């Protein structure tokens, strides 16, 4: 009897304890969806009480499925290293949450269209998850396979998907950084920036250097003025049209002859001179005529 008790105690105290693996779920409104209409596929995460800070993977798309849009507003990720984007029949994603995330939330959503009647399997692959334990320990992640029947007959009973998220908030505040990226182009200064929008997601960025015009930009942005003596403005738009503008102060001072204010003062002095001259000229002519008579 003692022998069996010893074996049981040995098993309890010496065998490793396995915790639940966190779970990524692929979800849709129904398992029967209409062909030729925009439908939503969402990816959600349940960490099973595990604290994580980084996540990467691929959503594999069946053939015959086209991605209309990817909504990267995430309840889980606060900083996308690689925003969810469609390429080669998959949506790759990679992001992190400094400080960690524990609980349940939407990772991202994709709007897709099936161009024919078919049975389609959506699955996740190449999943990598790191714990928020100070060491970035890798952990296991389980995921499901979502099977959807796309049929034309479902159109009559399916309510078309429209992005109706009420979003009146600006994208989140952020701080662009000027840095040399030798791995991209040695010795050249770039502007690095990124932010999140918890409503409809980020649409695009624009950058203006000094008195130049705004232009569409992606991070890292190669600075045109490598002297770094212009203020830089970064404008970010979300998909609802809300925007935020962030200013980066000039790194270096300009020489006096490079400052536009200097030329403005010169033009102002010249303009004042001609105005004053125009006003004084008639008086000078009158005085001259009086002397003649």
C-alpha atoms as a PDB file:
ATOM      1  CA  UNK A   1       0.000   0.000   0.000  1.00  0.00           C
ATOM      2  CA  UNK A   2       2.814   2.385   0.954  1.00  0.00           C
ATOM      3  CA  UNK A   3       4.429   1.637  -2.391  1.00  0.00           C
ATOM      4  CA  UNK A   4       1.353   2.858  -4.309  1.00  0.00           C
ATOM      5  CA  UNK A   5       1.031   6.003  -2.165  1.00  0.00           C
ATOM      6  CA  UNK A   6       4.685   6.813  -2.858  1.00  0.00           C
ATOM      7  CA  UNK A   7       4.149   6.420  -6.618  1.00  0.00           C
ATOM      8  CA  UNK A   8       1.081   8.725  -6.538  1.00  0.00           C
ATOM      9  CA  UNK A   9       2.936  11.409  -4.541  1.00  0.00           C
ATOM     10  CA  UNK A  10       5.929  11.141  -6.852  1.00  0.00           C
ATOM     11  CA  UNK A  11       3.659  11.692  -9.872  1.00  0.00           C
ATOM     12  CA  UNK A  12       1.966  14.728  -8.280  1.00  0.00           C
ATOM     13  CA  UNK A  13       5.092  16.540  -7.157  1.00  0.00           C
ATOM     14  CA  UNK A  14       7.631  15.567  -9.772  1.00  0.00           C
ATOM     15  CA  UNK A  15       5.694  15.580 -13.039  1.00  0.00           C
ATOM     16  CA  UNK A  16       5.505  18.892 -14.872  1.00  0.00           C
ATOM     17  CA  UNK A  17       2.213  20.782 -14.601  1.00  0.00           C
ATOM     18  CA  UNK A  18       0.685  21.619 -17.965  1.00  0.00           C
ATOM     19  CA  UNK A  19      -1.326  24.822 -18.215  1.00  0.00           C
ATOM     20  CA  UNK A  20      -3.952  25.519 -20.834  1.00  0.00           C
ATOM     21  CA  UNK A  21      -2.535  26.781 -24.095  1.00  0.00           C
ATOM     22  CA  UNK A  22      -3.854  30.133 -25.239  1.00  0.00           C
ATOM     23  CA  UNK A  23      -6.390  29.943 -28.062  1.00  0.00           C
ATOM     24  CA  UNK A  24      -6.823  31.896 -31.296  1.00  0.00           C
ATOM     25  CA  UNK A  25     -10.256  31.577 -32.858  1.00  0.00           C
ATOM     26  CA  UNK A  26     -11.376  32.341 -36.425  1.00  0.00           C
ATOM     27  CA  UNK A  27     -14.974  33.542 -36.378  1.00  0.00           C
ATOM     28  CA  UNK A  28     -17.722  34.447 -38.837  1.00  0.00           C
ATOM     29  CA  UNK A  29     -21.350  35.520 -38.499  1.00  0.00           C
ATOM     30  CA  UNK A  30     -22.521  32.185 -39.883  1.00  0.00           C
ATOM     31  CA  UNK A  31     -21.142  28.976 -41.363  1.00  0.00           C
ATOM     32  CA  UNK A  32     -23.226  29.631 -44.482  1.00  0.00           C
ATOM     33  CA  UNK A  33     -22.349  32.897 -46.216  1.00  0.00           C
ATOM     34  CA  UNK A  34     -23.366  34.459 -49.538  1.00  0.00           C
ATOM     35  CA  UNK A  35     -21.246  34.392 -52.671  1.00  0.00           C
ATOM     36  CA  UNK A  36     -20.320  37.756 -54.180  1.00  0.00           C
ATOM     37  CA  UNK A  37     -20.992  39.773 -51.013  1.00  0.00           C
ATOM     38  CA  UNK A  38     -18.622  41.338 -48.518  1.00  0.00           C
ATOM     39  CA  UNK A  39     -18.462  39.248 -45.321  1.00  0.00           C
ATOM     40  CA  UNK A  40     -16.445  39.577 -42.132  1.00  0.00           C
ATOM     41  CA  UNK A  41     -13.927  37.088 -40.768  1.00  0.00           C
ATOM     42  CA  UNK A  42     -12.523  37.975 -37.342  1.00  0.00           C
ATOM     43  CA  UNK A  43      -9.601  36.624 -35.341  1.00  0.00           C
ATOM     44  CA  UNK A  44     -10.001  36.599 -31.570  1.00  0.00           C
ATOM     45  CA  UNK A  45      -7.615  35.637 -28.785  1.00  0.00           C
ATOM     46  CA  UNK A  46      -8.166  34.033 -25.384  1.00  0.00           C
ATOM     47  CA  UNK A  47      -4.929  33.937 -23.400  1.00  0.00           C
ATOM     48  CA  UNK A  48      -6.372  31.443 -20.870  1.00  0.00           C
ATOM     49  CA  UNK A  49      -5.082  33.627 -18.014  1.00  0.00           C
ATOM     50  CA  UNK A  50      -1.584  33.731 -19.543  1.00  0.00           C
ATOM     51  CA  UNK A  51       0.172  37.109 -19.846  1.00  0.00           C
ATOM     52  CA  UNK A  52       1.674  37.630 -23.337  1.00  0.00           C
ATOM     53  CA  UNK A  53       3.448  40.538 -25.030  1.00  0.00           C
ATOM     54  CA  UNK A  54       4.139  39.427 -28.630  1.00  0.00           C
ATOM     55  CA  UNK A  55       2.259  37.489 -31.278  1.00  0.00           C
ATOM     56  CA  UNK A  56       2.900  36.529 -34.910  1.00  0.00           C
ATOM     57  CA  UNK A  57       1.235  34.300 -37.485  1.00  0.00           C
ATOM     58  CA  UNK A  58      -0.608  33.874 -40.781  1.00  0.00           C
ATOM     59  CA  UNK A  59      -4.298  33.604 -41.595  1.00  0.00           C
ATOM     60  CA  UNK A  60      -4.409  31.224 -44.565  1.00  0.00           C
ATOM     61  CA  UNK A  61      -7.022  32.109 -47.183  1.00  0.00           C
ATOM     62  CA  UNK A  62      -8.720  29.539 -49.428  1.00  0.00           C
ATOM     63  CA  UNK A  63      -8.492  29.955 -53.201  1.00  0.00           C
ATOM     64  CA  UNK A  64     -11.341  31.961 -54.682  1.00  0.00           C
ATOM     65  CA  UNK A  65     -11.428  34.348 -51.704  1.00  0.00           C
ATOM     66  CA  UNK A  66     -10.539  38.016 -52.223  1.00  0.00           C
ATOM     67  CA  UNK A  67      -9.660  40.370 -49.366  1.00  0.00           C
ATOM     68  CA  UNK A  68     -11.508  43.699 -49.590  1.00  0.00           C
ATOM     69  CA  UNK A  69     -10.054  45.288 -46.463  1.00  0.00           C
ATOM     70  CA  UNK A  70      -8.229  44.450 -43.242  1.00  0.00           C
ATOM     71  CA  UNK A  71      -9.338  46.299 -40.113  1.00  0.00           C
ATOM     72  CA  UNK A  72      -6.309  46.335 -37.810  1.00  0.00           C
ATOM     73  CA  UNK A  73      -7.975  48.077 -34.840  1.00  0.00           C
ATOM     74  CA  UNK A  74      -7.026  45.555 -32.152  1.00  0.00           C
ATOM     75  CA  UNK A  75      -8.145  44.929 -28.591  1.00  0.00           C
ATOM     76  CA  UNK A  76      -5.007  42.856 -28.028  1.00  0.00           C
ATOM     77  CA  UNK A  77      -2.085  44.481 -29.881  1.00  0.00           C
ATOM     78  CA  UNK A  78      -0.954  48.023 -29.064  1.00  0.00           C
ATOM     79  CA  UNK A  79       1.946  48.141 -31.548  1.00  0.00           C
ATOM     80  CA  UNK A  80       1.916  46.363 -34.922  1.00  0.00           C
ATOM     81  CA  UNK A  81       5.414  45.381 -36.065  1.00  0.00           C
ATOM     82  CA  UNK A  82       3.810  44.188 -39.313  1.00  0.00           C
ATOM     83  CA  UNK A  83       0.218  45.291 -39.770  1.00  0.00           C
ATOM     84  CA  UNK A  84      -2.168  42.587 -40.981  1.00  0.00           C
ATOM     85  CA  UNK A  85      -1.957  42.665 -44.769  1.00  0.00           C
ATOM     86  CA  UNK A  86      -3.066  40.332 -47.538  1.00  0.00           C
ATOM     87  CA  UNK A  87      -0.441  38.778 -49.810  1.00  0.00           C
ATOM     88  CA  UNK A  88      -0.076  35.407 -51.541  1.00  0.00           C
ATOM     89  CA  UNK A  89      -3.362  33.955 -50.208  1.00  0.00           C
ATOM     90  CA  UNK A  90      -2.616  34.786 -46.597  1.00  0.00           C
ATOM     91  CA  UNK A  91      -2.800  37.643 -44.110  1.00  0.00           C
ATOM     92  CA  UNK A  92       0.436  37.950 -42.179  1.00  0.00           C
ATOM     93  CA  UNK A  93       0.459  39.724 -38.806  1.00  0.00           C
ATOM     94  CA  UNK A  94       3.042  40.511 -36.148  1.00  0.00           C
ATOM     95  CA  UNK A  95       2.599  42.734 -33.128  1.00  0.00           C
ATOM     96  CA  UNK A  96       3.393  43.349 -29.497  1.00  0.00           C
ATOM     97  CA  UNK A  97       1.881  44.875 -26.377  1.00  0.00           C
ATOM     98  CA  UNK A  98       4.487  46.382 -24.024  1.00  0.00           C
ATOM     99  CA  UNK A  99       3.354  45.663 -20.484  1.00  0.00           C
ATOM    100  CA  UNK A 100       1.556  42.532 -21.634  1.00  0.00           C
ATOM    101  CA  UNK A 101      -2.002  41.428 -22.382  1.00  0.00           C
ATOM    102  CA  UNK A 102      -4.093  38.902 -20.486  1.00  0.00           C
ATOM    103  CA  UNK A 103      -7.708  38.081 -21.280  1.00  0.00           C
ATOM    104  CA  UNK A 104      -9.925  37.993 -24.369  1.00  0.00           C
ATOM    105  CA  UNK A 105     -10.143  40.344 -27.331  1.00  0.00           C
ATOM    106  CA  UNK A 106     -10.346  40.828 -31.082  1.00  0.00           C
ATOM    107  CA  UNK A 107      -6.961  40.614 -32.790  1.00  0.00           C
ATOM    108  CA  UNK A 108      -8.112  41.964 -36.188  1.00  0.00           C
ATOM    109  CA  UNK A 109     -10.910  41.627 -38.749  1.00  0.00           C
ATOM    110  CA  UNK A 110     -10.882  40.955 -42.486  1.00  0.00           C
ATOM    111  CA  UNK A 111     -13.592  41.718 -45.038  1.00  0.00           C
ATOM    112  CA  UNK A 112     -13.604  39.121 -47.796  1.00  0.00           C
ATOM    113  CA  UNK A 113     -15.611  38.141 -50.892  1.00  0.00           C
ATOM    114  CA  UNK A 114     -16.021  34.674 -52.413  1.00  0.00           C
ATOM    115  CA  UNK A 115     -16.282  34.779 -56.201  1.00  0.00           C
ATOM    116  CA  UNK A 116     -17.928  31.351 -56.524  1.00  0.00           C
ATOM    117  CA  UNK A 117     -19.968  28.775 -54.633  1.00  0.00           C
ATOM    118  CA  UNK A 118     -17.542  26.741 -52.571  1.00  0.00           C
ATOM    119  CA  UNK A 119     -16.689  25.220 -49.224  1.00  0.00           C
ATOM    120  CA  UNK A 120     -13.788  27.230 -47.796  1.00  0.00           C
ATOM    121  CA  UNK A 121     -11.472  26.462 -44.899  1.00  0.00           C
ATOM    122  CA  UNK A 122      -9.815  29.348 -43.038  1.00  0.00           C
ATOM    123  CA  UNK A 123      -6.916  28.377 -40.777  1.00  0.00           C
ATOM    124  CA  UNK A 124      -3.979  29.849 -38.874  1.00  0.00           C
ATOM    125  CA  UNK A 125      -0.341  28.845 -39.345  1.00  0.00           C
ATOM    126  CA  UNK A 126       3.188  29.790 -38.251  1.00  0.00           C
ATOM    127  CA  UNK A 127       1.929  30.969 -34.865  1.00  0.00           C
ATOM    128  CA  UNK A 128       4.546  32.318 -32.469  1.00  0.00           C
ATOM    129  CA  UNK A 129       3.601  33.714 -29.064  1.00  0.00           C
ATOM    130  CA  UNK A 130       5.955  35.181 -26.449  1.00  0.00           C
ATOM    131  CA  UNK A 131       5.138  35.478 -22.767  1.00  0.00           C
ATOM    132  CA  UNK A 132       5.348  38.715 -20.813  1.00  0.00           C
ATOM    133  CA  UNK A 133       7.773  37.184 -18.309  1.00  0.00           C
ATOM    134  CA  UNK A 134      10.814  39.401 -18.824  1.00  0.00           C
ATOM    135  CA  UNK A 135      12.528  36.731 -20.909  1.00  0.00           C
ATOM    136  CA  UNK A 136      10.230  36.482 -23.929  1.00  0.00           C
ATOM    137  CA  UNK A 137       9.604  32.778 -23.368  1.00  0.00           C
ATOM    138  CA  UNK A 138       7.807  31.076 -26.269  1.00  0.00           C
ATOM    139  CA  UNK A 139       4.491  29.410 -25.484  1.00  0.00           C
ATOM    140  CA  UNK A 140       2.020  27.137 -27.274  1.00  0.00           C
ATOM    141  CA  UNK A 141      -1.052  28.459 -29.089  1.00  0.00           C
ATOM    142  CA  UNK A 142      -4.019  26.423 -30.272  1.00  0.00           C
ATOM    143  CA  UNK A 143      -6.301  27.493 -33.101  1.00  0.00           C
ATOM    144  CA  UNK A 144      -9.403  26.301 -34.902  1.00  0.00           C
ATOM    145  CA  UNK A 145     -10.266  25.800 -38.566  1.00  0.00           C
ATOM    146  CA  UNK A 146     -13.295  27.761 -39.744  1.00  0.00           C
ATOM    147  CA  UNK A 147     -15.229  26.007 -42.512  1.00  0.00           C
ATOM    148  CA  UNK A 148     -17.685  28.188 -44.423  1.00  0.00           C
ATOM    149  CA  UNK A 149     -20.134  27.264 -47.180  1.00  0.00           C
ATOM    150  CA  UNK A 150     -20.329  30.117 -49.675  1.00  0.00           C
ATOM    151  CA  UNK A 151     -23.587  29.805 -51.615  1.00  0.00           C
ATOM    152  CA  UNK A 152     -25.493  32.280 -53.757  1.00  0.00           C
ATOM    153  CA  UNK A 153     -28.784  31.293 -52.100  1.00  0.00           C
ATOM    154  CA  UNK A 154     -27.609  32.748 -48.785  1.00  0.00           C
ATOM    155  CA  UNK A 155     -27.729  36.290 -50.198  1.00  0.00           C
ATOM    156  CA  UNK A 156     -31.458  36.728 -49.571  1.00  0.00           C
ATOM    157  CA  UNK A 157     -31.192  35.995 -45.845  1.00  0.00           C
ATOM    158  CA  UNK A 158     -27.819  37.602 -45.177  1.00  0.00           C
ATOM    159  CA  UNK A 159     -27.445  41.201 -44.108  1.00  0.00           C
ATOM    160  CA  UNK A 160     -24.564  42.759 -46.050  1.00  0.00           C
ATOM    161  CA  UNK A 161     -21.560  43.764 -43.975  1.00  0.00           C
ATOM    162  CA  UNK A 162     -20.939  47.452 -43.652  1.00  0.00           C
ATOM    163  CA  UNK A 163     -18.275  49.020 -41.472  1.00  0.00           C
ATOM    164  CA  UNK A 164     -20.458  51.143 -39.212  1.00  0.00           C
ATOM    165  CA  UNK A 165     -18.113  51.570 -36.269  1.00  0.00           C
ATOM    166  CA  UNK A 166     -18.836  54.922 -34.636  1.00  0.00           C
ATOM    167  CA  UNK A 167     -15.414  56.542 -34.530  1.00  0.00           C
ATOM    168  CA  UNK A 168     -15.080  60.201 -33.607  1.00  0.00           C
ATOM    169  CA  UNK A 169     -11.746  59.882 -31.817  1.00  0.00           C
ATOM    170  CA  UNK A 170      -8.350  60.836 -33.200  1.00  0.00           C
ATOM    171  CA  UNK A 171      -5.697  58.147 -33.579  1.00  0.00           C
ATOM    172  CA  UNK A 172      -3.625  57.684 -30.443  1.00  0.00           C
ATOM    173  CA  UNK A 173      -0.796  60.067 -29.593  1.00  0.00           C
ATOM    174  CA  UNK A 174       2.698  59.034 -30.696  1.00  0.00           C
ATOM    175  CA  UNK A 175       6.271  60.298 -30.815  1.00  0.00           C
ATOM    176  CA  UNK A 176       8.154  60.017 -34.147  1.00  0.00           C
ATOM    177  CA  UNK A 177      11.876  59.336 -33.828  1.00  0.00           C
ATOM    178  CA  UNK A 178      14.718  60.553 -36.066  1.00  0.00           C
ATOM    179  CA  UNK A 179      17.371  57.885 -36.431  1.00  0.00           C
ATOM    180  CA  UNK A 180      20.053  56.549 -38.759  1.00  0.00           C
ATOM    181  CA  UNK A 181      19.096  53.128 -40.088  1.00  0.00           C
ATOM    182  CA  UNK A 182      22.359  51.731 -41.391  1.00  0.00           C
ATOM    183  CA  UNK A 183      20.694  48.412 -42.227  1.00  0.00           C
ATOM    184  CA  UNK A 184      18.440  50.293 -44.680  1.00  0.00           C
ATOM    185  CA  UNK A 185      20.795  52.980 -46.019  1.00  0.00           C
ATOM    186  CA  UNK A 186      24.074  53.719 -44.208  1.00  0.00           C
ATOM    187  CA  UNK A 187      24.592  57.260 -42.944  1.00  0.00           C
ATOM    188  CA  UNK A 188      21.082  58.463 -43.867  1.00  0.00           C
ATOM    189  CA  UNK A 189      18.537  59.853 -41.393  1.00  0.00           C
ATOM    190  CA  UNK A 190      15.041  58.377 -41.350  1.00  0.00           C
ATOM    191  CA  UNK A 191      11.873  59.270 -39.495  1.00  0.00           C
ATOM    192  CA  UNK A 192      10.330  56.293 -37.685  1.00  0.00           C
ATOM    193  CA  UNK A 193       6.700  56.500 -36.551  1.00  0.00           C
ATOM    194  CA  UNK A 194       3.683  54.358 -35.752  1.00  0.00           C
ATOM    195  CA  UNK A 195       0.462  54.596 -33.782  1.00  0.00           C
ATOM    196  CA  UNK A 196      -2.846  52.815 -33.239  1.00  0.00           C
ATOM    197  CA  UNK A 197      -6.513  53.645 -33.677  1.00  0.00           C
ATOM    198  CA  UNK A 198      -8.925  51.568 -31.600  1.00  0.00           C
ATOM    199  CA  UNK A 199     -11.933  52.569 -33.710  1.00  0.00           C
ATOM    200  CA  UNK A 200     -11.709  51.960 -37.449  1.00  0.00           C
ATOM    201  CA  UNK A 201      -7.924  51.532 -37.660  1.00  0.00           C
ATOM    202  CA  UNK A 202      -5.155  53.573 -39.299  1.00  0.00           C
ATOM    203  CA  UNK A 203      -5.665  54.545 -42.940  1.00  0.00           C
ATOM    204  CA  UNK A 204      -2.467  56.398 -43.874  1.00  0.00           C
ATOM    205  CA  UNK A 205       0.244  58.878 -42.854  1.00  0.00           C
ATOM    206  CA  UNK A 206       1.482  62.129 -44.377  1.00  0.00           C
ATOM    207  CA  UNK A 207       4.757  63.958 -43.668  1.00  0.00           C
ATOM    208  CA  UNK A 208       5.771  67.591 -44.185  1.00  0.00           C
ATOM    209  CA  UNK A 209       9.305  68.900 -43.749  1.00  0.00           C
ATOM    210  CA  UNK A 210       9.596  72.623 -43.069  1.00  0.00           C
ATOM    211  CA  UNK A 211       7.702  74.636 -45.677  1.00  0.00           C
ATOM    212  CA  UNK A 212       7.354  71.749 -48.104  1.00  0.00           C
ATOM    213  CA  UNK A 213       3.929  70.285 -48.895  1.00  0.00           C
ATOM    214  CA  UNK A 214       2.521  67.215 -47.163  1.00  0.00           C
ATOM    215  CA  UNK A 215       3.104  63.915 -48.959  1.00  0.00           C
ATOM    216  CA  UNK A 216       1.961  60.350 -48.295  1.00  0.00           C
ATOM    217  CA  UNK A 217       4.515  58.451 -46.251  1.00  0.00           C
ATOM    218  CA  UNK A 218       5.322  55.119 -44.666  1.00  0.00           C
ATOM    219  CA  UNK A 219       7.663  54.366 -41.794  1.00  0.00           C
ATOM    220  CA  UNK A 220      10.628  54.448 -41.980  1.00  0.00           C
ATOM    221  CA  UNK A 221      10.514  57.689 -44.013  1.00  0.00           C
ATOM    222  CA  UNK A 222      13.725  58.900 -45.670  1.00  0.00           C
ATOM    223  CA  UNK A 223      14.146  62.563 -44.744  1.00  0.00           C
ATOM    224  CA  UNK A 224      14.731  64.925 -47.649  1.00  0.00           C
ATOM    225  CA  UNK A 225      16.478  67.478 -45.428  1.00  0.00           C
ATOM    226  CA  UNK A 226      19.446  65.562 -44.048  1.00  0.00           C
ATOM    227  CA  UNK A 227      20.647  68.714 -42.230  1.00  0.00           C
ATOM    228  CA  UNK A 228      17.770  68.146 -39.780  1.00  0.00           C
ATOM    229  CA  UNK A 229      17.208  71.886 -39.431  1.00  0.00           C
ATOM    230  CA  UNK A 230      13.500  71.917 -40.344  1.00  0.00           C
ATOM    231  CA  UNK A 231      10.541  71.184 -38.099  1.00  0.00           C
ATOM    232  CA  UNK A 232       8.763  68.022 -39.259  1.00  0.00           C
ATOM    233  CA  UNK A 233       5.009  67.395 -39.138  1.00  0.00           C
ATOM    234  CA  UNK A 234       3.487  63.906 -39.208  1.00  0.00           C
ATOM    235  CA  UNK A 235      -0.233  63.666 -39.941  1.00  0.00           C
ATOM    236  CA  UNK A 236      -2.086  60.376 -39.357  1.00  0.00           C
ATOM    237  CA  UNK A 237      -5.597  59.559 -40.585  1.00  0.00           C
ATOM    238  CA  UNK A 238      -7.911  56.789 -39.433  1.00  0.00           C
ATOM    239  CA  UNK A 239     -10.450  55.126 -41.727  1.00  0.00           C
ATOM    240  CA  UNK A 240     -13.229  57.372 -40.408  1.00  0.00           C
ATOM    241  CA  UNK A 241     -11.346  60.507 -41.519  1.00  0.00           C
ATOM    242  CA  UNK A 242     -10.204  61.600 -38.037  1.00  0.00           C
ATOM    243  CA  UNK A 243      -6.662  62.913 -37.956  1.00  0.00           C
ATOM    244  CA  UNK A 244      -3.870  63.829 -35.568  1.00  0.00           C
ATOM    245  CA  UNK A 245      -0.828  66.002 -36.317  1.00  0.00           C
ATOM    246  CA  UNK A 246       2.424  65.569 -34.400  1.00  0.00           C
ATOM    247  CA  UNK A 247       5.333  68.018 -34.602  1.00  0.00           C
ATOM    248  CA  UNK A 248       8.999  67.021 -34.406  1.00  0.00           C
ATOM    249  CA  UNK A 249      11.236  69.978 -33.590  1.00  0.00           C
ATOM    250  CA  UNK A 250      14.269  70.643 -35.774  1.00  0.00           C
ATOM    251  CA  UNK A 251      17.334  68.774 -34.576  1.00  0.00           C
ATOM    252  CA  UNK A 252      19.773  71.523 -35.600  1.00  0.00           C
ATOM    253  CA  UNK A 253      19.586  75.318 -35.984  1.00  0.00           C
ATOM    254  CA  UNK A 254      19.673  76.932 -39.407  1.00  0.00           C
ATOM    255  CA  UNK A 255      22.249  79.492 -40.468  1.00  0.00           C
ATOM    256  CA  UNK A 256      20.812  82.992 -40.542  1.00  0.00           C
ATOM    257  CA  UNK A 257      20.707  83.052 -44.338  1.00  0.00           C
ATOM    258  CA  UNK A 258      18.787  79.732 -44.444  1.00  0.00           C
ATOM    259  CA  UNK A 259      15.874  80.977 -42.388  1.00  0.00           C
ATOM    260  CA  UNK A 260      12.805  81.942 -44.360  1.00  0.00           C
ATOM    261  CA  UNK A 261      12.052  84.598 -41.747  1.00  0.00           C
ATOM    262  CA  UNK A 262      15.218  86.414 -42.835  1.00  0.00           C
ATOM    263  CA  UNK A 263      14.016  86.657 -46.423  1.00  0.00           C
ATOM    264  CA  UNK A 264      10.578  87.663 -45.215  1.00  0.00           C
ATOM    265  CA  UNK A 265      12.041  90.608 -43.326  1.00  0.00           C
ATOM    266  CA  UNK A 266      14.065  91.657 -46.386  1.00  0.00           C
ATOM    267  CA  UNK A 267      10.936  91.557 -48.588  1.00  0.00           C
ATOM    268  CA  UNK A 268       9.001  93.522 -45.969  1.00  0.00           C
ATOM    269  CA  UNK A 269      11.703  96.226 -45.839  1.00  0.00           C
ATOM    270  CA  UNK A 270      11.804  96.484 -49.652  1.00  0.00           C
ATOM    271  CA  UNK A 271       8.006  96.709 -49.812  1.00  0.00           C
ATOM    272  CA  UNK A 272       7.941  99.406 -47.111  1.00  0.00           C
ATOM    273  CA  UNK A 273      10.652 101.350 -48.955  1.00  0.00           C
ATOM    274  CA  UNK A 274       8.678 101.456 -52.208  1.00  0.00           C
ATOM    275  CA  UNK A 275       5.423 102.406 -50.424  1.00  0.00           C
ATOM    276  CA  UNK A 276       7.199 105.209 -48.568  1.00  0.00           C
ATOM    277  CA  UNK A 277       8.917 106.355 -51.729  1.00  0.00           C
ATOM    278  CA  UNK A 278       5.614 106.436 -53.606  1.00  0.00           C
ATOM    279  CA  UNK A 279       4.044 108.592 -50.908  1.00  0.00           C
ATOM    280  CA  UNK A 280       6.971 111.008 -50.654  1.00  0.00           C
ATOM    281  CA  UNK A 281       7.513 111.438 -54.397  1.00  0.00           C
ATOM    282  CA  UNK A 282       4.446 113.733 -55.064  1.00  0.00           C
ATOM    283  CA  UNK A 283       5.479 116.010 -52.182  1.00  0.00           C
ATOM    284  CA  UNK A 284       8.991 116.279 -53.585  1.00  0.00           C
ATOM    285  CA  UNK A 285       7.612 117.250 -57.015  1.00  0.00           C
ATOM    286  CA  UNK A 286       5.349 119.934 -55.477  1.00  0.00           C
ATOM    287  CA  UNK A 287       8.236 121.428 -53.509  1.00  0.00           C
ATOM    288  CA  UNK A 288      10.362 121.537 -56.665  1.00  0.00           C
ATOM    289  CA  UNK A 289       7.602 123.336 -58.599  1.00  0.00           C
ATOM    290  CA  UNK A 290       7.161 125.891 -55.816  1.00  0.00           C
ATOM    291  CA  UNK A 291      10.857 126.733 -55.925  1.00  0.00           C
ATOM    292  CA  UNK A 292      10.650 127.349 -59.695  1.00  0.00           C
ATOM    293  CA  UNK A 293       7.905 129.924 -59.230  1.00  0.00           C
END
